[in-house]
Amino acid sequence: FKSEAFDVRLAPQQGPQVKLLIVTPRKMGNAPQRNRFRRRVKAIFYEQELFSCGFDVALFAKKGVNAISFSELQTTLIAIMKAASCPQA
């Protein structure tokens, strides 16, 4: 999945636990802004139990991702996981 704010790539789960990779380049902002985005993504994955879908997830952030609100980010990530045929999303 690609959008103007971030790209998401999914792969079948390889190990006993799901892996979540969040890549935040320096172009995105300073360290507190990058860390805030990482915390938001992790919170969405754990609160919505998206880790139980059976996919390893790689999320690549782009420059405009700081403009997205938490609720927008949440609905986008849930929609991506539903499109990947995740019953929990």
Protein backbone atom coordinates (compact mmCIF):
# COMPACT_ATOMS: atom_id res chain seq x y z
CA PHE A 1 0.00 0.00 0.00
CA LYS A 2 1.30 3.45 -0.91
CA SER A 3 0.04 6.86 0.10
CA GLU A 4 1.46 10.36 0.14
CA ALA A 5 2.34 10.04 3.84
CA PHE A 6 3.71 6.49 4.13
CA ASP A 7 4.18 3.13 2.41
CA VAL A 8 3.21 -0.19 4.01
CA ARG A 9 4.55 -3.58 3.00
CA LEU A 10 3.22 -6.85 4.37
CA ALA A 11 4.80 -10.30 4.39
CA PRO A 12 3.58 -13.59 5.83
CA GLN A 13 4.65 -14.08 9.43
CA GLN A 14 8.02 -15.87 9.54
CA GLY A 15 8.53 -16.53 13.23
CA PRO A 16 6.53 -17.11 16.40
CA GLN A 17 5.92 -13.37 16.80
CA VAL A 18 4.84 -10.68 14.37
CA LYS A 19 7.51 -8.11 13.49
CA LEU A 20 6.72 -4.43 13.09
CA LEU A 21 9.32 -2.27 11.35
CA ILE A 22 8.80 1.51 11.34
CA VAL A 23 11.24 3.52 9.24
CA THR A 24 11.25 7.27 9.88
CA PRO A 25 13.75 9.33 7.85
CA ARG A 26 15.23 12.61 9.06
CA LYS A 27 13.29 14.48 6.36
CA MET A 28 10.17 13.71 8.39
CA GLY A 29 11.18 16.02 11.23
CA ASN A 30 13.23 16.13 14.38
CA ALA A 31 13.64 13.21 16.78
CA PRO A 32 10.59 13.97 18.99
CA GLN A 33 8.34 14.11 15.91
CA ARG A 34 9.72 10.82 14.58
CA ASN A 35 9.35 9.14 17.98
CA ARG A 36 5.78 10.41 18.33
CA PHE A 37 4.87 8.82 15.01
CA ARG A 38 6.46 5.52 16.07
CA ARG A 39 4.56 5.55 19.37
CA ARG A 40 1.28 6.23 17.56
CA VAL A 41 1.76 3.34 15.14
CA LYS A 42 2.69 0.95 17.95
CA ALA A 43 -0.32 2.03 20.01
CA ILE A 44 -2.66 1.40 17.08
CA PHE A 45 -1.21 -2.05 16.46
CA TYR A 46 -1.53 -3.12 20.09
CA GLU A 47 -4.90 -1.52 20.87
CA GLN A 48 -6.56 -2.85 17.71
CA GLU A 49 -4.71 -6.20 17.97
CA LEU A 50 -3.42 -5.91 14.42
CA PHE A 51 -0.44 -8.05 15.41
CA SER A 52 -2.72 -11.12 15.44
CA CYS A 53 -3.29 -10.94 11.66
CA GLY A 54 -0.30 -13.11 10.83
CA PHE A 55 1.67 -10.53 8.82
CA ASP A 56 5.05 -8.97 9.37
CA VAL A 57 4.63 -5.24 8.69
CA ALA A 58 7.13 -2.70 7.37
CA LEU A 59 5.97 0.93 7.46
CA PHE A 60 8.06 3.55 5.67
CA ALA A 61 7.17 7.12 6.66
CA LYS A 62 7.45 10.04 4.27
CA LYS A 63 7.88 13.76 4.79
CA GLY A 64 4.18 14.70 5.18
CA VAL A 65 3.25 12.08 7.76
CA ASN A 66 3.31 14.55 10.68
CA ALA A 67 0.25 16.33 9.27
CA ILE A 68 -1.92 13.22 9.73
CA SER A 69 -4.06 13.06 12.87
CA PHE A 70 -4.13 9.99 15.10
CA SER A 71 -7.66 9.03 14.01
CA GLU A 72 -6.75 9.33 10.32
CA LEU A 73 -3.69 7.17 10.87
CA GLN A 74 -5.75 4.62 12.77
CA THR A 75 -8.47 4.32 10.10
CA THR A 76 -5.85 4.05 7.35
CA LEU A 77 -3.90 1.27 9.09
CA ILE A 78 -7.08 -0.66 9.90
CA ALA A 79 -8.24 -0.36 6.28
CA ILE A 80 -4.88 -1.66 5.05
CA MET A 81 -5.07 -4.69 7.33
CA LYS A 82 -8.69 -5.38 6.28
CA ALA A 83 -7.62 -5.25 2.64
CA ALA A 84 -4.96 -7.83 3.48
CA SER A 85 -7.79 -10.12 4.66
CA CYS A 86 -7.21 -9.73 8.37
CA PRO A 87 -10.36 -10.78 10.27
CA GLN A 88 -9.41 -8.91 13.47
CA ALA A 89 -9.17 -5.47 11.81
